[in-house]
PDB file of all heavy atoms in Angstrom:
ATOM      1  N   ILE A   1      93.828 -38.366  58.369  1.00  0.00           N
ATOM      2  CA  ILE A   1      93.550 -39.062  59.627  1.00  0.00           C
ATOM      3  C   ILE A   1      94.532 -38.596  60.703  1.00  0.00           C
ATOM      4  O   ILE A   1      94.141 -38.371  61.863  1.00  0.00           O
ATOM      5  CB  ILE A   1      93.628 -40.589  59.437  1.00  0.00           C
ATOM      6  CG1 ILE A   1      92.440 -41.068  58.587  1.00  0.00           C
ATOM      7  CG2 ILE A   1      93.650 -41.312  60.775  1.00  0.00           C
ATOM      8  CD1 ILE A   1      92.428 -42.557  58.307  1.00  0.00           C
ATOM      9  N   GLY A   2      95.799 -38.412  60.336  1.00  0.00           N
ATOM     10  CA  GLY A   2      96.804 -37.980  61.299  1.00  0.00           C
ATOM     11  C   GLY A   2      96.473 -36.621  61.899  1.00  0.00           C
ATOM     12  O   GLY A   2      96.562 -36.426  63.118  1.00  0.00           O
ATOM     13  N   THR A   3      96.069 -35.669  61.062  1.00  0.00           N
ATOM     14  CA  THR A   3      95.721 -34.335  61.552  1.00  0.00           C
ATOM     15  C   THR A   3      94.527 -34.398  62.497  1.00  0.00           C
ATOM     16  O   THR A   3      94.501 -33.724  63.538  1.00  0.00           O
ATOM     17  CB  THR A   3      95.425 -33.391  60.377  1.00  0.00           C
ATOM     18  OG1 THR A   3      96.583 -33.295  59.540  1.00  0.00           O
ATOM     19  CG2 THR A   3      95.049 -32.003  60.865  1.00  0.00           C
ATOM     20  N   ALA A   4      93.523 -35.217  62.138  1.00  0.00           N
ATOM     21  CA  ALA A   4      92.349 -35.367  63.004  1.00  0.00           C
ATOM     22  C   ALA A   4      92.732 -35.963  64.349  1.00  0.00           C
ATOM     23  O   ALA A   4      92.235 -35.537  65.399  1.00  0.00           O
ATOM     24  CB  ALA A   4      91.298 -36.240  62.306  1.00  0.00           C
ATOM     25  N   LEU A   5      93.618 -36.965  64.348  1.00  0.00           N
ATOM     26  CA  LEU A   5      94.051 -37.596  65.605  1.00  0.00           C
ATOM     27  C   LEU A   5      94.875 -36.622  66.448  1.00  0.00           C
ATOM     28  O   LEU A   5      94.745 -36.602  67.687  1.00  0.00           O
ATOM     29  CB  LEU A   5      94.868 -38.854  65.309  1.00  0.00           C
ATOM     30  CG  LEU A   5      94.073 -40.075  64.835  1.00  0.00           C
ATOM     31  CD1 LEU A   5      95.010 -41.182  64.361  1.00  0.00           C
ATOM     32  CD2 LEU A   5      93.153 -40.598  65.949  1.00  0.00           C
ATOM     33  N   ILE A   6      95.707 -35.819  65.823  1.00  0.00           N
ATOM     34  CA  ILE A   6      96.468 -34.815  66.569  1.00  0.00           C
ATOM     35  C   ILE A   6      95.512 -33.865  67.286  1.00  0.00           C
ATOM     36  O   ILE A   6      95.674 -33.563  68.484  1.00  0.00           O
ATOM     37  CB  ILE A   6      97.405 -34.029  65.627  1.00  0.00           C
ATOM     38  CG1 ILE A   6      98.540 -34.934  65.129  1.00  0.00           C
ATOM     39  CG2 ILE A   6      97.984 -32.799  66.330  1.00  0.00           C
ATOM     40  CD1 ILE A   6      99.327 -34.340  63.979  1.00  0.00           C
ATOM     41  N   SER A   7      94.487 -33.402  66.569  1.00  0.00           N
ATOM     42  CA  SER A   7      93.506 -32.503  67.174  1.00  0.00           C
ATOM     43  C   SER A   7      92.737 -33.201  68.289  1.00  0.00           C
ATOM     44  O   SER A   7      92.438 -32.595  69.324  1.00  0.00           O
ATOM     45  CB  SER A   7      92.531 -31.987  66.109  1.00  0.00           C
ATOM     46  OG  SER A   7      93.202 -31.212  65.141  1.00  0.00           O
ATOM     47  N   LEU A   8      92.401 -34.485  68.068  1.00  0.00           N
ATOM     48  CA  LEU A   8      91.687 -35.249  69.093  1.00  0.00           C
ATOM     49  C   LEU A   8      92.467 -35.272  70.398  1.00  0.00           C
ATOM     50  O   LEU A   8      91.948 -34.904  71.466  1.00  0.00           O
ATOM     51  CB  LEU A   8      91.447 -36.685  68.610  1.00  0.00           C
ATOM     52  CG  LEU A   8      91.086 -37.694  69.705  1.00  0.00           C
ATOM     53  CD1 LEU A   8      89.681 -37.435  70.220  1.00  0.00           C
ATOM     54  CD2 LEU A   8      91.246 -39.122  69.212  1.00  0.00           C
ATOM     55  N   TYR A   9      93.710 -35.717  70.334  1.00  0.00           N
ATOM     56  CA  TYR A   9      94.479 -35.868  71.565  1.00  0.00           C
ATOM     57  C   TYR A   9      94.835 -34.516  72.179  1.00  0.00           C
ATOM     58  O   TYR A   9      94.843 -34.370  73.407  1.00  0.00           O
ATOM     59  CB  TYR A   9      95.728 -36.709  71.295  1.00  0.00           C
ATOM     60  CG  TYR A   9      95.407 -38.153  71.021  1.00  0.00           C
ATOM     61  CD1 TYR A   9      95.838 -38.793  69.863  1.00  0.00           C
ATOM     62  CD2 TYR A   9      94.624 -38.889  71.912  1.00  0.00           C
ATOM     63  CE1 TYR A   9      95.522 -40.125  69.619  1.00  0.00           C
ATOM     64  CE2 TYR A   9      94.308 -40.220  71.667  1.00  0.00           C
ATOM     65  CZ  TYR A   9      94.761 -40.831  70.521  1.00  0.00           C
ATOM     66  OH  TYR A   9      94.433 -42.146  70.281  1.00  0.00           O
ATOM     67  N   ALA A  10      95.104 -33.525  71.341  1.00  0.00           N
ATOM     68  CA  ALA A  10      95.393 -32.190  71.883  1.00  0.00           C
ATOM     69  C   ALA A  10      94.165 -31.615  72.580  1.00  0.00           C
ATOM     70  O   ALA A  10      94.256 -31.055  73.671  1.00  0.00           O
ATOM     71  CB  ALA A  10      95.849 -31.256  70.761  1.00  0.00           C
ATOM     72  N   ASN A  11      92.988 -31.767  71.971  1.00  0.00           N
ATOM     73  CA  ASN A  11      91.753 -31.228  72.546  1.00  0.00           C
ATOM     74  C   ASN A  11      91.273 -32.021  73.740  1.00  0.00           C
ATOM     75  O   ASN A  11      90.404 -31.559  74.482  1.00  0.00           O
ATOM     76  CB  ASN A  11      90.641 -31.191  71.489  1.00  0.00           C
ATOM     77  CG  ASN A  11      90.801 -30.035  70.527  1.00  0.00           C
ATOM     78  OD1 ASN A  11      91.826 -29.357  70.532  1.00  0.00           O
ATOM     79  ND2 ASN A  11      89.799 -29.799  69.712  1.00  0.00           N
ATOM     80  N   SER A  12      91.791 -33.247  73.929  1.00  0.00           N
ATOM     81  CA  SER A  12      91.395 -34.075  75.065  1.00  0.00           C
ATOM     82  C   SER A  12      92.397 -33.987  76.203  1.00  0.00           C
ATOM     83  O   SER A  12      92.263 -34.696  77.206  1.00  0.00           O
ATOM     84  CB  SER A  12      91.250 -35.542  74.616  1.00  0.00           C
ATOM     85  OG  SER A  12      90.299 -35.665  73.584  1.00  0.00           O
ATOM     86  N   GLY A  13      93.386 -33.142  76.052  1.00  0.00           N
ATOM     87  CA  GLY A  13      94.363 -32.968  77.114  1.00  0.00           C
ATOM     88  C   GLY A  13      95.503 -33.957  77.089  1.00  0.00           C
ATOM     89  O   GLY A  13      96.320 -33.994  78.013  1.00  0.00           O
ATOM     90  N   CYS A  14      95.585 -34.798  76.063  1.00  0.00           N
ATOM     91  CA  CYS A  14      96.652 -35.809  75.953  1.00  0.00           C
ATOM     92  C   CYS A  14      97.697 -35.346  74.951  1.00  0.00           C
ATOM     93  O   CYS A  14      97.819 -35.903  73.846  1.00  0.00           O
ATOM     94  CB  CYS A  14      96.068 -37.155  75.534  1.00  0.00           C
ATOM     95  SG  CYS A  14      94.925 -37.852  76.725  1.00  0.00           S
ATOM     96  N   LEU A  15      98.418 -34.321  75.311  1.00  0.00           N
ATOM     97  CA  LEU A  15      99.352 -33.713  74.368  1.00  0.00           C
ATOM     98  C   LEU A  15     100.465 -34.674  73.961  1.00  0.00           C
ATOM     99  O   LEU A  15     100.933 -34.649  72.824  1.00  0.00           O
ATOM    100  CB  LEU A  15      99.949 -32.450  74.983  1.00  0.00           C
ATOM    101  CG  LEU A  15     100.662 -31.505  74.027  1.00  0.00           C
ATOM    102  CD1 LEU A  15      99.717 -31.009  72.942  1.00  0.00           C
ATOM    103  CD2 LEU A  15     101.259 -30.323  74.782  1.00  0.00           C
ATOM    104  N   GLU A  16     100.856 -35.556  74.897  1.00  0.00           N
ATOM    105  CA  GLU A  16     101.926 -36.506  74.562  1.00  0.00           C
ATOM    106  C   GLU A  16     101.483 -37.486  73.484  1.00  0.00           C
ATOM    107  O   GLU A  16     102.282 -37.881  72.623  1.00  0.00           O
ATOM    108  CB  GLU A  16     102.389 -37.269  75.814  1.00  0.00           C
ATOM    109  CG  GLU A  16     101.368 -38.177  76.453  1.00  0.00           C
ATOM    110  CD  GLU A  16     100.344 -37.477  77.334  1.00  0.00           C
ATOM    111  OE1 GLU A  16     100.313 -36.232  77.341  1.00  0.00           O
ATOM    112  OE2 GLU A  16      99.586 -38.175  78.017  1.00  0.00           O
ATOM    113  N   PHE A  17     100.199 -37.887  73.482  1.00  0.00           N
ATOM    114  CA  PHE A  17      99.685 -38.763  72.431  1.00  0.00           C
ATOM    115  C   PHE A  17      99.634 -38.020  71.100  1.00  0.00           C
ATOM    116  O   PHE A  17      99.920 -38.588  70.043  1.00  0.00           O
ATOM    117  CB  PHE A  17      98.294 -39.275  72.785  1.00  0.00           C
ATOM    118  CG  PHE A  17      98.284 -40.364  73.818  1.00  0.00           C
ATOM    119  CD1 PHE A  17      99.450 -40.830  74.379  1.00  0.00           C
ATOM    120  CD2 PHE A  17      97.089 -40.931  74.237  1.00  0.00           C
ATOM    121  CE1 PHE A  17      99.454 -41.829  75.332  1.00  0.00           C
ATOM    122  CE2 PHE A  17      97.064 -41.938  75.189  1.00  0.00           C
ATOM    123  CZ  PHE A  17      98.260 -42.384  75.741  1.00  0.00           C
ATOM    124  N   ALA A  18      99.240 -36.745  71.154  1.00  0.00           N
ATOM    125  CA  ALA A  18      99.191 -35.938  69.923  1.00  0.00           C
ATOM    126  C   ALA A  18     100.571 -35.872  69.289  1.00  0.00           C
ATOM    127  O   ALA A  18     100.734 -36.043  68.076  1.00  0.00           O
ATOM    128  CB  ALA A  18      98.678 -34.536  70.237  1.00  0.00           C
ATOM    129  N   ARG A  19     101.593 -35.632  70.118  1.00  0.00           N
ATOM    130  CA  ARG A  19     102.951 -35.530  69.584  1.00  0.00           C
ATOM    131  C   ARG A  19     103.443 -36.877  69.066  1.00  0.00           C
ATOM    132  O   ARG A  19     104.187 -36.937  68.073  1.00  0.00           O
ATOM    133  CB  ARG A  19     103.904 -35.007  70.674  1.00  0.00           C
ATOM    134  CG  ARG A  19     105.304 -34.676  70.152  1.00  0.00           C
ATOM    135  CD  ARG A  19     105.223 -33.641  69.021  1.00  0.00           C
ATOM    136  NE  ARG A  19     106.468 -33.452  68.327  1.00  0.00           N
ATOM    137  CZ  ARG A  19     107.256 -32.389  68.483  1.00  0.00           C
ATOM    138  NH1 ARG A  19     106.924 -31.437  69.345  1.00  0.00           N
ATOM    139  NH2 ARG A  19     108.351 -32.258  67.789  1.00  0.00           N
ATOM    140  N   LYS A  20     103.006 -37.971  69.714  1.00  0.00           N
ATOM    141  CA  LYS A  20     103.403 -39.305  69.253  1.00  0.00           C
ATOM    142  C   LYS A  20     102.835 -39.575  67.856  1.00  0.00           C
ATOM    143  O   LYS A  20     103.539 -40.077  66.974  1.00  0.00           O
ATOM    144  CB  LYS A  20     102.905 -40.370  70.235  1.00  0.00           C
ATOM    145  CG  LYS A  20     103.431 -41.778  69.976  1.00  0.00           C
ATOM    146  CD  LYS A  20     103.010 -42.713  71.109  1.00  0.00           C
ATOM    147  CE  LYS A  20     103.691 -44.089  70.968  1.00  0.00           C
ATOM    148  NZ  LYS A  20     103.300 -44.812  69.774  1.00  0.00           N
ATOM    149  N   VAL A  21     101.560 -39.231  67.657  1.00  0.00           N
ATOM    150  CA  VAL A  21     100.955 -39.389  66.334  1.00  0.00           C
ATOM    151  C   VAL A  21     101.708 -38.548  65.316  1.00  0.00           C
ATOM    152  O   VAL A  21     102.053 -39.012  64.221  1.00  0.00           O
ATOM    153  CB  VAL A  21      99.460 -38.995  66.357  1.00  0.00           C
ATOM    154  CG1 VAL A  21      98.892 -38.920  64.937  1.00  0.00           C
ATOM    155  CG2 VAL A  21      98.648 -39.990  67.181  1.00  0.00           C
ATOM    156  N   PHE A  22     101.981 -37.299  65.669  1.00  0.00           N
ATOM    157  CA  PHE A  22     102.692 -36.394  64.762  1.00  0.00           C
ATOM    158  C   PHE A  22     104.049 -36.974  64.369  1.00  0.00           C
ATOM    159  O   PHE A  22     104.415 -36.987  63.183  1.00  0.00           O
ATOM    160  CB  PHE A  22     102.870 -35.043  65.442  1.00  0.00           C
ATOM    161  CG  PHE A  22     103.631 -34.038  64.628  1.00  0.00           C
ATOM    162  CD1 PHE A  22     102.992 -33.278  63.659  1.00  0.00           C
ATOM    163  CD2 PHE A  22     104.993 -33.855  64.816  1.00  0.00           C
ATOM    164  CE1 PHE A  22     103.703 -32.351  62.894  1.00  0.00           C
ATOM    165  CE2 PHE A  22     105.706 -32.936  64.071  1.00  0.00           C
ATOM    166  CZ  PHE A  22     105.054 -32.182  63.109  1.00  0.00           C
ATOM    167  N   ASP A  23     104.795 -37.463  65.354  1.00  0.00           N
ATOM    168  CA  ASP A  23     106.141 -37.982  65.089  1.00  0.00           C
ATOM    169  C   ASP A  23     106.117 -39.265  64.263  1.00  0.00           C
ATOM    170  O   ASP A  23     107.084 -39.562  63.545  1.00  0.00           O
ATOM    171  CB  ASP A  23     106.875 -38.233  66.410  1.00  0.00           C
ATOM    172  CG  ASP A  23     107.232 -36.936  67.128  1.00  0.00           C
ATOM    173  OD1 ASP A  23     107.284 -35.885  66.452  1.00  0.00           O
ATOM    174  OD2 ASP A  23     107.440 -36.971  68.354  1.00  0.00           O
ATOM    175  N   GLU A  24     105.034 -40.046  64.358  1.00  0.00           N
ATOM    176  CA  GLU A  24     104.964 -41.319  63.643  1.00  0.00           C
ATOM    177  C   GLU A  24     104.413 -41.201  62.229  1.00  0.00           C
ATOM    178  O   GLU A  24     104.446 -42.180  61.472  1.00  0.00           O
ATOM    179  CB  GLU A  24     104.093 -42.307  64.443  1.00  0.00           C
ATOM    180  CG  GLU A  24     104.743 -42.787  65.738  1.00  0.00           C
ATOM    181  CD  GLU A  24     103.845 -43.735  66.510  1.00  0.00           C
ATOM    182  OE1 GLU A  24     102.667 -43.895  66.112  1.00  0.00           O
ATOM    183  OE2 GLU A  24     104.318 -44.303  67.506  1.00  0.00           O
ATOM    184  N   MET A  25     103.916 -40.031  61.854  1.00  0.00           N
ATOM    185  CA  MET A  25     103.338 -39.881  60.522  1.00  0.00           C
ATOM    186  C   MET A  25     104.430 -39.980  59.455  1.00  0.00           C
ATOM    187  O   MET A  25     105.451 -39.279  59.538  1.00  0.00           O
ATOM    188  CB  MET A  25     102.596 -38.544  60.409  1.00  0.00           C
ATOM    189  CG  MET A  25     101.349 -38.476  61.268  1.00  0.00           C
ATOM    190  SD  MET A  25     100.536 -36.870  61.159  1.00  0.00           S
ATOM    191  CE  MET A  25     100.009 -36.892  59.438  1.00  0.00           C
ATOM    192  N   PRO A  26     104.232 -40.835  58.445  1.00  0.00           N
ATOM    193  CA  PRO A  26     105.254 -40.987  57.406  1.00  0.00           C
ATOM    194  C   PRO A  26     105.377 -39.763  56.510  1.00  0.00           C
ATOM    195  O   PRO A  26     106.428 -39.507  55.925  1.00  0.00           O
ATOM    196  CB  PRO A  26     104.765 -42.212  56.610  1.00  0.00           C
ATOM    197  CG  PRO A  26     103.295 -42.274  56.862  1.00  0.00           C
ATOM    198  CD  PRO A  26     103.089 -41.757  58.250  1.00  0.00           C
ATOM    199  N   TYR A  27     104.290 -39.026  56.395  1.00  0.00           N
ATOM    200  CA  TYR A  27     104.321 -37.807  55.595  1.00  0.00           C
ATOM    201  C   TYR A  27     103.496 -36.745  56.303  1.00  0.00           C
ATOM    202  O   TYR A  27     102.376 -36.998  56.730  1.00  0.00           O
ATOM    203  CB  TYR A  27     103.757 -38.038  54.186  1.00  0.00           C
ATOM    204  CG  TYR A  27     103.633 -36.761  53.389  1.00  0.00           C
ATOM    205  CD1 TYR A  27     104.756 -36.190  52.795  1.00  0.00           C
ATOM    206  CD2 TYR A  27     102.412 -36.109  53.263  1.00  0.00           C
ATOM    207  CE1 TYR A  27     104.663 -34.992  52.087  1.00  0.00           C
ATOM    208  CE2 TYR A  27     102.300 -34.911  52.551  1.00  0.00           C
ATOM    209  CZ  TYR A  27     103.438 -34.364  51.965  1.00  0.00           C
ATOM    210  OH  TYR A  27     103.344 -33.182  51.279  1.00  0.00           O
ATOM    211  N   ARG A  28     104.062 -35.555  56.460  1.00  0.00           N
ATOM    212  CA  ARG A  28     103.371 -34.462  57.133  1.00  0.00           C
ATOM    213  C   ARG A  28     103.248 -33.282  56.180  1.00  0.00           C
ATOM    214  O   ARG A  28     104.165 -33.004  55.401  1.00  0.00           O
ATOM    215  CB  ARG A  28     104.130 -34.040  58.398  1.00  0.00           C
ATOM    216  CG  ARG A  28     104.187 -35.105  59.459  1.00  0.00           C
ATOM    217  CD  ARG A  28     104.807 -34.554  60.745  1.00  0.00           C
ATOM    218  NE  ARG A  28     106.244 -34.382  60.632  1.00  0.00           N
ATOM    219  CZ  ARG A  28     107.146 -35.252  61.094  1.00  0.00           C
ATOM    220  NH1 ARG A  28     106.735 -36.358  61.700  1.00  0.00           N
ATOM    221  NH2 ARG A  28     108.430 -35.021  60.945  1.00  0.00           N
ATOM    222  N   ASP A  29     102.122 -32.604  56.249  1.00  0.00           N
ATOM    223  CA  ASP A  29     101.956 -31.394  55.455  1.00  0.00           C
ATOM    224  C   ASP A  29     101.737 -30.212  56.391  1.00  0.00           C
ATOM    225  O   ASP A  29     101.832 -30.328  57.621  1.00  0.00           O
ATOM    226  CB  ASP A  29     100.808 -31.537  54.450  1.00  0.00           C
ATOM    227  CG  ASP A  29      99.450 -31.724  55.120  1.00  0.00           C
ATOM    228  OD1 ASP A  29      99.371 -31.657  56.372  1.00  0.00           O
ATOM    229  OD2 ASP A  29      98.464 -31.937  54.408  1.00  0.00           O
ATOM    230  N   LYS A  30     101.438 -29.083  55.807  1.00  0.00           N
ATOM    231  CA  LYS A  30     101.270 -27.847  56.572  1.00  0.00           C
ATOM    232  C   LYS A  30     100.155 -27.970  57.610  1.00  0.00           C
ATOM    233  O   LYS A  30     100.263 -27.432  58.716  1.00  0.00           O
ATOM    234  CB  LYS A  30     100.971 -26.711  55.599  1.00  0.00           C
ATOM    235  CG  LYS A  30     100.633 -25.385  56.235  1.00  0.00           C
ATOM    236  CD  LYS A  30     100.511 -24.305  55.178  1.00  0.00           C
ATOM    237  CE  LYS A  30      99.422 -24.611  54.177  1.00  0.00           C
ATOM    238  NZ  LYS A  30      99.304 -23.573  53.133  1.00  0.00           N
ATOM    239  N   PHE A  31      99.085 -28.707  57.249  1.00  0.00           N
ATOM    240  CA  PHE A  31      97.940 -28.811  58.153  1.00  0.00           C
ATOM    241  C   PHE A  31      98.281 -29.632  59.394  1.00  0.00           C
ATOM    242  O   PHE A  31      97.792 -29.351  60.487  1.00  0.00           O
ATOM    243  CB  PHE A  31      96.746 -29.403  57.402  1.00  0.00           C
ATOM    244  CG  PHE A  31      96.367 -28.615  56.190  1.00  0.00           C
ATOM    245  CD1 PHE A  31      96.709 -29.047  54.912  1.00  0.00           C
ATOM    246  CD2 PHE A  31      95.707 -27.398  56.316  1.00  0.00           C
ATOM    247  CE1 PHE A  31      96.389 -28.312  53.788  1.00  0.00           C
ATOM    248  CE2 PHE A  31      95.381 -26.646  55.199  1.00  0.00           C
ATOM    249  CZ  PHE A  31      95.723 -27.097  53.938  1.00  0.00           C
ATOM    250  N   CYS A  32      99.122 -30.654  59.234  1.00  0.00           N
ATOM    251  CA  CYS A  32      99.576 -31.434  60.392  1.00  0.00           C
ATOM    252  C   CYS A  32     100.380 -30.547  61.334  1.00  0.00           C
ATOM    253  O   CYS A  32     100.182 -30.585  62.564  1.00  0.00           O
ATOM    254  CB  CYS A  32     100.445 -32.612  59.951  1.00  0.00           C
ATOM    255  SG  CYS A  32      99.683 -33.708  58.754  1.00  0.00           S
ATOM    256  N   PHE A  33     101.286 -29.752  60.764  1.00  0.00           N
ATOM    257  CA  PHE A  33     102.074 -28.843  61.593  1.00  0.00           C
ATOM    258  C   PHE A  33     101.163 -27.834  62.304  1.00  0.00           C
ATOM    259  O   PHE A  33     101.347 -27.550  63.492  1.00  0.00           O
ATOM    260  CB  PHE A  33     103.105 -28.107  60.737  1.00  0.00           C
ATOM    261  CG  PHE A  33     104.379 -28.875  60.533  1.00  0.00           C
ATOM    262  CD1 PHE A  33     104.592 -29.609  59.374  1.00  0.00           C
ATOM    263  CD2 PHE A  33     105.378 -28.859  61.498  1.00  0.00           C
ATOM    264  CE1 PHE A  33     105.769 -30.319  59.175  1.00  0.00           C
ATOM    265  CE2 PHE A  33     106.564 -29.564  61.310  1.00  0.00           C
ATOM    266  CZ  PHE A  33     106.755 -30.300  60.154  1.00  0.00           C
ATOM    267  N   ASN A  34     100.192 -27.285  61.570  1.00  0.00           N
ATOM    268  CA  ASN A  34      99.285 -26.308  62.175  1.00  0.00           C
ATOM    269  C   ASN A  34      98.546 -26.901  63.375  1.00  0.00           C
ATOM    270  O   ASN A  34      98.400 -26.257  64.415  1.00  0.00           O
ATOM    271  CB  ASN A  34      98.268 -25.816  61.144  1.00  0.00           C
ATOM    272  CG  ASN A  34      98.873 -24.858  60.134  1.00  0.00           C
ATOM    273  OD1 ASN A  34     100.028 -24.437  60.279  1.00  0.00           O
ATOM    274  ND2 ASN A  34      98.116 -24.506  59.119  1.00  0.00           N
ATOM    275  N   ALA A  35      98.056 -28.149  63.203  1.00  0.00           N
ATOM    276  CA  ALA A  35      97.308 -28.799  64.283  1.00  0.00           C
ATOM    277  C   ALA A  35      98.197 -29.017  65.505  1.00  0.00           C
ATOM    278  O   ALA A  35      97.778 -28.795  66.647  1.00  0.00           O
ATOM    279  CB  ALA A  35      96.735 -30.130  63.801  1.00  0.00           C
ATOM    280  N   MET A  36      99.434 -29.435  65.279  1.00  0.00           N
ATOM    281  CA  MET A  36     100.336 -29.706  66.402  1.00  0.00           C
ATOM    282  C   MET A  36     100.782 -28.413  67.070  1.00  0.00           C
ATOM    283  O   MET A  36     100.863 -28.341  68.306  1.00  0.00           O
ATOM    284  CB  MET A  36     101.546 -30.503  65.905  1.00  0.00           C
ATOM    285  CG  MET A  36     102.393 -31.120  67.010  1.00  0.00           C
ATOM    286  SD  MET A  36     101.518 -32.400  67.934  1.00  0.00           S
ATOM    287  CE  MET A  36     101.558 -31.713  69.583  1.00  0.00           C
ATOM    288  N   ILE A  37     101.060 -27.381  66.280  1.00  0.00           N
ATOM    289  CA  ILE A  37     101.444 -26.088  66.856  1.00  0.00           C
ATOM    290  C   ILE A  37     100.301 -25.526  67.690  1.00  0.00           C
ATOM    291  O   ILE A  37     100.501 -25.024  68.806  1.00  0.00           O
ATOM    292  CB  ILE A  37     101.860 -25.096  65.754  1.00  0.00           C
ATOM    293  CG1 ILE A  37     103.169 -25.545  65.094  1.00  0.00           C
ATOM    294  CG2 ILE A  37     102.023 -23.688  66.311  1.00  0.00           C
ATOM    295  CD1 ILE A  37     103.537 -24.768  63.851  1.00  0.00           C
ATOM    296  N   ARG A  38      99.076 -25.628  67.160  1.00  0.00           N
ATOM    297  CA  ARG A  38      97.911 -25.147  67.911  1.00  0.00           C
ATOM    298  C   ARG A  38      97.744 -25.934  69.207  1.00  0.00           C
ATOM    299  O   ARG A  38      97.430 -25.361  70.264  1.00  0.00           O
ATOM    300  CB  ARG A  38      96.651 -25.281  67.061  1.00  0.00           C
ATOM    301  CG  ARG A  38      95.383 -24.899  67.814  1.00  0.00           C
ATOM    302  CD  ARG A  38      94.127 -25.144  67.011  1.00  0.00           C
ATOM    303  NE  ARG A  38      92.956 -24.977  67.851  1.00  0.00           N
ATOM    304  CZ  ARG A  38      92.435 -25.928  68.615  1.00  0.00           C
ATOM    305  NH1 ARG A  38      92.989 -27.131  68.633  1.00  0.00           N
ATOM    306  NH2 ARG A  38      91.363 -25.691  69.354  1.00  0.00           N
TER     307      ARG A  38
END
């Protein structure tokens, strides 16, 4: 869900929301990082 939300906010132009979701995730994997880097 976190990776999907990161992509949602990044693709909608709300990069600050994407980063907020990323920072609040209790556990992150490679795919979360990929979505945020993209």
